[in-house]
PDB file of all heavy atoms in Angstrom:
ATOM      1  N   ASP A   1       0.823  -1.139  -0.055  1.00  0.00           N
ATOM      2  CA  ASP A   1      -0.010   0.022   0.016  1.00  0.00           C
ATOM      3  C   ASP A   1       0.838   1.242  -0.053  1.00  0.00           C
ATOM      4  O   ASP A   1       0.367   2.397   0.080  1.00  0.00           O
ATOM      5  CB  ASP A   1      -0.914   0.046   1.222  1.00  0.00           C
ATOM      6  CG  ASP A   1      -1.977  -1.051   1.157  1.00  0.00           C
ATOM      7  OD1 ASP A   1      -2.290  -1.478  -0.044  1.00  0.00           O
ATOM      8  OD2 ASP A   1      -2.467  -1.407   2.178  1.00  0.00           O
ATOM      9  N   ILE A   2       2.173   1.154  -0.074  1.00  0.00           N
ATOM     10  CA  ILE A   2       3.033   2.328  -0.059  1.00  0.00           C
ATOM     11  C   ILE A   2       2.809   3.191  -1.238  1.00  0.00           C
ATOM     12  O   ILE A   2       2.864   2.672  -2.385  1.00  0.00           O
ATOM     13  CB  ILE A   2       4.524   1.891   0.091  1.00  0.00           C
ATOM     14  CG1 ILE A   2       4.767   1.260   1.474  1.00  0.00           C
ATOM     15  CG2 ILE A   2       5.426   3.069  -0.141  1.00  0.00           C
ATOM     16  CD1 ILE A   2       6.120   0.700   1.693  1.00  0.00           C
ATOM     17  N   GLU A   3       2.567   4.417  -1.085  1.00  0.00           N
ATOM     18  CA  GLU A   3       2.445   5.399  -2.174  1.00  0.00           C
ATOM     19  C   GLU A   3       3.740   6.009  -2.281  1.00  0.00           C
ATOM     20  O   GLU A   3       4.305   6.560  -1.348  1.00  0.00           O
ATOM     21  CB  GLU A   3       1.307   6.439  -1.801  1.00  0.00           C
ATOM     22  CG  GLU A   3       1.047   7.386  -2.830  1.00  0.00           C
ATOM     23  CD  GLU A   3       0.016   8.395  -2.438  1.00  0.00           C
ATOM     24  OE1 GLU A   3      -0.671   8.102  -1.465  1.00  0.00           O
ATOM     25  OE2 GLU A   3      -0.177   9.383  -3.117  1.00  0.00           O
ATOM     26  N   CYS A   4       4.310   6.127  -3.498  1.00  0.00           N
ATOM     27  CA  CYS A   4       5.526   6.705  -3.759  1.00  0.00           C
ATOM     28  C   CYS A   4       5.492   8.026  -4.435  1.00  0.00           C
ATOM     29  O   CYS A   4       5.257   8.119  -5.682  1.00  0.00           O
ATOM     30  CB  CYS A   4       6.403   5.707  -4.641  1.00  0.00           C
ATOM     31  SG  CYS A   4       8.063   6.324  -4.829  1.00  0.00           S
ATOM     32  N   LYS A   5       5.441   9.136  -3.621  1.00  0.00           N
ATOM     33  CA  LYS A   5       5.566  10.421  -4.156  1.00  0.00           C
ATOM     34  C   LYS A   5       6.659  11.156  -3.421  1.00  0.00           C
ATOM     35  O   LYS A   5       6.970  10.864  -2.359  1.00  0.00           O
ATOM     36  CB  LYS A   5       4.252  11.224  -3.847  1.00  0.00           C
ATOM     37  CG  LYS A   5       3.061  10.792  -4.607  1.00  0.00           C
ATOM     38  CD  LYS A   5       1.896  11.708  -4.281  1.00  0.00           C
ATOM     39  CE  LYS A   5       0.671  11.166  -4.927  1.00  0.00           C
ATOM     40  NZ  LYS A   5      -0.475  12.020  -4.419  1.00  0.00           N
ATOM     41  N   SER A   6       7.337  12.014  -4.189  1.00  0.00           N
ATOM     42  CA  SER A   6       8.665  12.603  -3.620  1.00  0.00           C
ATOM     43  C   SER A   6       8.881  13.778  -4.412  1.00  0.00           C
ATOM     44  O   SER A   6       8.460  14.029  -5.459  1.00  0.00           O
ATOM     45  CB  SER A   6       9.756  11.599  -3.836  1.00  0.00           C
ATOM     46  OG  SER A   6      10.918  12.118  -3.850  1.00  0.00           O
ATOM     47  N   PRO A   7       9.705  14.744  -3.814  1.00  0.00           N
ATOM     48  CA  PRO A   7      10.035  15.965  -4.554  1.00  0.00           C
ATOM     49  C   PRO A   7      11.004  15.731  -5.720  1.00  0.00           C
ATOM     50  O   PRO A   7      11.280  16.478  -6.485  1.00  0.00           O
ATOM     51  CB  PRO A   7      10.692  16.857  -3.485  1.00  0.00           C
ATOM     52  CG  PRO A   7      11.176  15.922  -2.437  1.00  0.00           C
ATOM     53  CD  PRO A   7      10.230  14.787  -2.438  1.00  0.00           C
ATOM     54  N   MET A   8      11.596  14.430  -5.692  1.00  0.00           N
ATOM     55  CA  MET A   8      12.347  14.026  -6.761  1.00  0.00           C
ATOM     56  C   MET A   8      11.494  13.747  -8.049  1.00  0.00           C
ATOM     57  O   MET A   8      10.333  13.563  -7.908  1.00  0.00           O
ATOM     58  CB  MET A   8      13.178  12.739  -6.491  1.00  0.00           C
ATOM     59  CG  MET A   8      14.169  13.015  -5.301  1.00  0.00           C
ATOM     60  SD  MET A   8      15.059  11.488  -4.999  1.00  0.00           S
ATOM     61  CE  MET A   8      14.047  10.589  -3.919  1.00  0.00           C
ATOM     62  N   SER A   9      12.117  13.665  -9.150  1.00  0.00           N
ATOM     63  CA  SER A   9      11.484  13.288 -10.354  1.00  0.00           C
ATOM     64  C   SER A   9      10.712  11.931 -10.060  1.00  0.00           C
ATOM     65  O   SER A   9      11.227  11.007  -9.494  1.00  0.00           O
ATOM     66  CB  SER A   9      12.439  13.009 -11.385  1.00  0.00           C
ATOM     67  OG  SER A   9      11.929  12.238 -12.496  1.00  0.00           O
ATOM     68  N   ASP A  10       9.416  11.853 -10.492  1.00  0.00           N
ATOM     69  CA  ASP A  10       8.516  10.697 -10.193  1.00  0.00           C
ATOM     70  C   ASP A  10       9.312   9.545 -10.679  1.00  0.00           C
ATOM     71  O   ASP A  10       9.365   8.393 -10.045  1.00  0.00           O
ATOM     72  CB  ASP A  10       7.293  10.791 -10.857  1.00  0.00           C
ATOM     73  CG  ASP A  10       6.413  11.776  -9.981  1.00  0.00           C
ATOM     74  OD1 ASP A  10       6.650  12.111  -8.896  1.00  0.00           O
ATOM     75  OD2 ASP A  10       5.375  12.276 -10.648  1.00  0.00           O
ATOM     76  N   GLY A  11      10.012   9.555 -11.864  1.00  0.00           N
ATOM     77  CA  GLY A  11      10.631   8.317 -12.427  1.00  0.00           C
ATOM     78  C   GLY A  11      11.730   7.828 -11.549  1.00  0.00           C
ATOM     79  O   GLY A  11      11.904   6.671 -11.275  1.00  0.00           O
ATOM     80  N   ILE A  12      12.645   8.719 -11.067  1.00  0.00           N
ATOM     81  CA  ILE A  12      13.765   8.385 -10.253  1.00  0.00           C
ATOM     82  C   ILE A  12      13.289   7.865  -8.974  1.00  0.00           C
ATOM     83  O   ILE A  12      13.779   6.872  -8.413  1.00  0.00           O
ATOM     84  CB  ILE A  12      14.699   9.610 -10.124  1.00  0.00           C
ATOM     85  CG1 ILE A  12      15.269   9.883 -11.492  1.00  0.00           C
ATOM     86  CG2 ILE A  12      15.751   9.297  -9.101  1.00  0.00           C
ATOM     87  CD1 ILE A  12      16.552  10.535 -11.607  1.00  0.00           C
ATOM     88  N   SER A  13      12.301   8.512  -8.390  1.00  0.00           N
ATOM     89  CA  SER A  13      11.744   8.130  -7.136  1.00  0.00           C
ATOM     90  C   SER A  13      11.180   6.680  -7.244  1.00  0.00           C
ATOM     91  O   SER A  13      11.380   5.849  -6.352  1.00  0.00           O
ATOM     92  CB  SER A  13      10.687   9.127  -6.622  1.00  0.00           C
ATOM     93  OG  SER A  13      10.054   8.686  -5.371  1.00  0.00           O
ATOM     94  N   GLU A  14      10.516   6.470  -8.273  1.00  0.00           N
ATOM     95  CA  GLU A  14       9.876   5.129  -8.503  1.00  0.00           C
ATOM     96  C   GLU A  14      11.034   4.071  -8.684  1.00  0.00           C
ATOM     97  O   GLU A  14      10.904   3.001  -8.093  1.00  0.00           O
ATOM     98  CB  GLU A  14       8.971   5.160  -9.764  1.00  0.00           C
ATOM     99  CG  GLU A  14       8.287   3.937  -9.984  1.00  0.00           C
ATOM    100  CD  GLU A  14       7.377   4.007 -11.215  1.00  0.00           C
ATOM    101  OE1 GLU A  14       6.624   5.001 -11.286  1.00  0.00           O
ATOM    102  OE2 GLU A  14       7.312   3.058 -12.043  1.00  0.00           O
ATOM    103  N   ILE A  15      12.021   4.438  -9.451  1.00  0.00           N
ATOM    104  CA  ILE A  15      13.089   3.456  -9.698  1.00  0.00           C
ATOM    105  C   ILE A  15      13.854   3.155  -8.339  1.00  0.00           C
ATOM    106  O   ILE A  15      14.076   1.982  -7.924  1.00  0.00           O
ATOM    107  CB  ILE A  15      14.093   3.995 -10.759  1.00  0.00           C
ATOM    108  CG1 ILE A  15      13.456   3.887 -12.027  1.00  0.00           C
ATOM    109  CG2 ILE A  15      15.381   3.181 -10.709  1.00  0.00           C
ATOM    110  CD1 ILE A  15      14.220   4.609 -13.234  1.00  0.00           C
ATOM    111  N   MET A  16      14.111   4.265  -7.497  1.00  0.00           N
ATOM    112  CA  MET A  16      14.706   4.035  -6.299  1.00  0.00           C
ATOM    113  C   MET A  16      13.842   3.136  -5.348  1.00  0.00           C
ATOM    114  O   MET A  16      14.375   2.273  -4.710  1.00  0.00           O
ATOM    115  CB  MET A  16      14.931   5.366  -5.599  1.00  0.00           C
ATOM    116  CG  MET A  16      16.122   6.172  -6.125  1.00  0.00           C
ATOM    117  SD  MET A  16      16.428   7.740  -5.200  1.00  0.00           S
ATOM    118  CE  MET A  16      16.947   7.143  -3.636  1.00  0.00           C
ATOM    119  N   GLN A  17      12.614   3.294  -5.455  1.00  0.00           N
ATOM    120  CA  GLN A  17      11.660   2.626  -4.609  1.00  0.00           C
ATOM    121  C   GLN A  17      11.677   1.123  -4.979  1.00  0.00           C
ATOM    122  O   GLN A  17      11.717   0.270  -4.132  1.00  0.00           O
ATOM    123  CB  GLN A  17      10.232   3.105  -4.801  1.00  0.00           C
ATOM    124  CG  GLN A  17       9.266   2.692  -3.709  1.00  0.00           C
ATOM    125  CD  GLN A  17       9.467   3.323  -2.339  1.00  0.00           C
ATOM    126  OE1 GLN A  17      10.212   4.334  -2.286  1.00  0.00           O
ATOM    127  NE2 GLN A  17       8.968   2.778  -1.408  1.00  0.00           N
ATOM    128  N   LYS A  18      11.860   0.851  -6.305  1.00  0.00           N
ATOM    129  CA  LYS A  18      11.794  -0.475  -6.714  1.00  0.00           C
ATOM    130  C   LYS A  18      13.146  -1.288  -6.556  1.00  0.00           C
ATOM    131  O   LYS A  18      13.149  -2.443  -6.237  1.00  0.00           O
ATOM    132  CB  LYS A  18      11.475  -0.565  -8.274  1.00  0.00           C
ATOM    133  CG  LYS A  18      10.008  -0.281  -8.491  1.00  0.00           C
ATOM    134  CD  LYS A  18       9.788  -0.284 -10.081  1.00  0.00           C
ATOM    135  CE  LYS A  18       8.293  -0.024 -10.237  1.00  0.00           C
ATOM    136  NZ  LYS A  18       7.985   0.023 -11.719  1.00  0.00           N
ATOM    137  N   VAL A  19      14.334  -0.591  -6.802  1.00  0.00           N
ATOM    138  CA  VAL A  19      15.505  -1.337  -6.839  1.00  0.00           C
ATOM    139  C   VAL A  19      16.338  -1.210  -5.509  1.00  0.00           C
ATOM    140  O   VAL A  19      17.270  -2.066  -5.394  1.00  0.00           O
ATOM    141  CB  VAL A  19      16.445  -0.905  -8.017  1.00  0.00           C
ATOM    142  CG1 VAL A  19      15.710  -1.182  -9.274  1.00  0.00           C
ATOM    143  CG2 VAL A  19      16.868   0.507  -7.980  1.00  0.00           C
ATOM    144  N   LEU A  20      16.050  -0.319  -4.645  1.00  0.00           N
ATOM    145  CA  LEU A  20      16.885  -0.117  -3.445  1.00  0.00           C
ATOM    146  C   LEU A  20      16.059  -0.430  -2.229  1.00  0.00           C
ATOM    147  O   LEU A  20      14.918  -0.110  -2.074  1.00  0.00           O
ATOM    148  CB  LEU A  20      17.325   1.380  -3.252  1.00  0.00           C
ATOM    149  CG  LEU A  20      18.215   1.924  -4.492  1.00  0.00           C
ATOM    150  CD1 LEU A  20      18.551   3.356  -4.183  1.00  0.00           C
ATOM    151  CD2 LEU A  20      19.472   1.063  -4.669  1.00  0.00           C
ATOM    152  N   ASP A  21      16.714  -1.019  -1.239  1.00  0.00           N
ATOM    153  CA  ASP A  21      16.032  -1.247   0.051  1.00  0.00           C
ATOM    154  C   ASP A  21      16.093   0.018   0.787  1.00  0.00           C
ATOM    155  O   ASP A  21      16.652   1.057   0.471  1.00  0.00           O
ATOM    156  CB  ASP A  21      16.622  -2.371   0.791  1.00  0.00           C
ATOM    157  CG  ASP A  21      18.027  -2.248   1.281  1.00  0.00           C
ATOM    158  OD1 ASP A  21      18.375  -1.099   1.631  1.00  0.00           O
ATOM    159  OD2 ASP A  21      18.797  -3.238   1.313  1.00  0.00           O
ATOM    160  N   GLU A  22      15.424   0.008   1.937  1.00  0.00           N
ATOM    161  CA  GLU A  22      15.206   1.204   2.824  1.00  0.00           C
ATOM    162  C   GLU A  22      16.597   1.860   3.151  1.00  0.00           C
ATOM    163  O   GLU A  22      16.813   3.056   3.043  1.00  0.00           O
ATOM    164  CB  GLU A  22      14.470   0.760   4.064  1.00  0.00           C
ATOM    165  CG  GLU A  22      14.007   1.950   4.952  1.00  0.00           C
ATOM    166  CD  GLU A  22      13.138   1.440   6.017  1.00  0.00           C
ATOM    167  OE1 GLU A  22      12.156   0.578   5.784  1.00  0.00           O
ATOM    168  OE2 GLU A  22      13.305   1.799   7.163  1.00  0.00           O
ATOM    169  N   ASP A  23      17.510   1.034   3.671  1.00  0.00           N
ATOM    170  CA  ASP A  23      18.876   1.504   4.038  1.00  0.00           C
ATOM    171  C   ASP A  23      19.617   2.082   2.923  1.00  0.00           C
ATOM    172  O   ASP A  23      20.246   3.164   2.994  1.00  0.00           O
ATOM    173  CB  ASP A  23      19.755   0.407   4.648  1.00  0.00           C
ATOM    174  CG  ASP A  23      19.375   0.161   6.199  1.00  0.00           C
ATOM    175  OD1 ASP A  23      18.683   1.002   6.745  1.00  0.00           O
ATOM    176  OD2 ASP A  23      19.733  -0.903   6.604  1.00  0.00           O
ATOM    177  N   GLU A  24      19.573   1.430   1.765  1.00  0.00           N
ATOM    178  CA  GLU A  24      20.222   1.950   0.527  1.00  0.00           C
ATOM    179  C   GLU A  24      19.696   3.341   0.153  1.00  0.00           C
ATOM    180  O   GLU A  24      20.453   4.229  -0.233  1.00  0.00           O
ATOM    181  CB  GLU A  24      20.056   0.911  -0.584  1.00  0.00           C
ATOM    182  CG  GLU A  24      20.908  -0.347  -0.347  1.00  0.00           C
ATOM    183  CD  GLU A  24      20.554  -1.406  -1.308  1.00  0.00           C
ATOM    184  OE1 GLU A  24      19.453  -1.415  -2.014  1.00  0.00           O
ATOM    185  OE2 GLU A  24      21.437  -2.323  -1.543  1.00  0.00           O
ATOM    186  N   ARG A  25      18.360   3.437   0.086  1.00  0.00           N
ATOM    187  CA  ARG A  25      17.757   4.737  -0.217  1.00  0.00           C
ATOM    188  C   ARG A  25      18.194   5.849   0.691  1.00  0.00           C
ATOM    189  O   ARG A  25      18.468   6.925   0.276  1.00  0.00           O
ATOM    190  CB  ARG A  25      16.168   4.610  -0.229  1.00  0.00           C
ATOM    191  CG  ARG A  25      15.565   3.952  -1.450  1.00  0.00           C
ATOM    192  CD  ARG A  25      14.110   4.199  -1.506  1.00  0.00           C
ATOM    193  NE  ARG A  25      13.315   3.755  -0.283  1.00  0.00           N
ATOM    194  CZ  ARG A  25      12.959   2.492  -0.037  1.00  0.00           C
ATOM    195  NH1 ARG A  25      13.150   1.498  -0.964  1.00  0.00           N
ATOM    196  NH2 ARG A  25      12.275   2.281   1.005  1.00  0.00           N
ATOM    197  N   ARG A  26      18.146   5.530   1.972  1.00  0.00           N
ATOM    198  CA  ARG A  26      18.516   6.562   3.013  1.00  0.00           C
ATOM    199  C   ARG A  26      20.008   6.987   2.765  1.00  0.00           C
ATOM    200  O   ARG A  26      20.216   8.116   2.860  1.00  0.00           O
ATOM    201  CB  ARG A  26      18.362   5.875   4.336  1.00  0.00           C
ATOM    202  CG  ARG A  26      18.242   6.810   5.535  1.00  0.00           C
ATOM    203  CD  ARG A  26      17.767   6.153   6.822  1.00  0.00           C
ATOM    204  NE  ARG A  26      16.366   5.738   6.638  1.00  0.00           N
ATOM    205  CZ  ARG A  26      15.887   4.464   7.014  1.00  0.00           C
ATOM    206  NH1 ARG A  26      16.795   3.564   7.500  1.00  0.00           N
ATOM    207  NH2 ARG A  26      14.669   4.136   6.864  1.00  0.00           N
ATOM    208  N   ILE A  27      20.875   6.033   2.560  1.00  0.00           N
ATOM    209  CA  ILE A  27      22.344   6.368   2.383  1.00  0.00           C
ATOM    210  C   ILE A  27      22.529   7.196   1.101  1.00  0.00           C
ATOM    211  O   ILE A  27      23.165   8.179   1.098  1.00  0.00           O
ATOM    212  CB  ILE A  27      23.177   5.062   2.316  1.00  0.00           C
ATOM    213  CG1 ILE A  27      23.243   4.435   3.651  1.00  0.00           C
ATOM    214  CG2 ILE A  27      24.539   5.364   1.772  1.00  0.00           C
ATOM    215  CD1 ILE A  27      23.700   3.028   3.755  1.00  0.00           C
TER     216      ILE A  27
END
């Protein structure tokens, strides 16, 4: 149910959401 919206480009945010785990995104 996680909604992925971010001030970053929607495409990059979506890609980050899909390929990186939580710690990787944070780093």
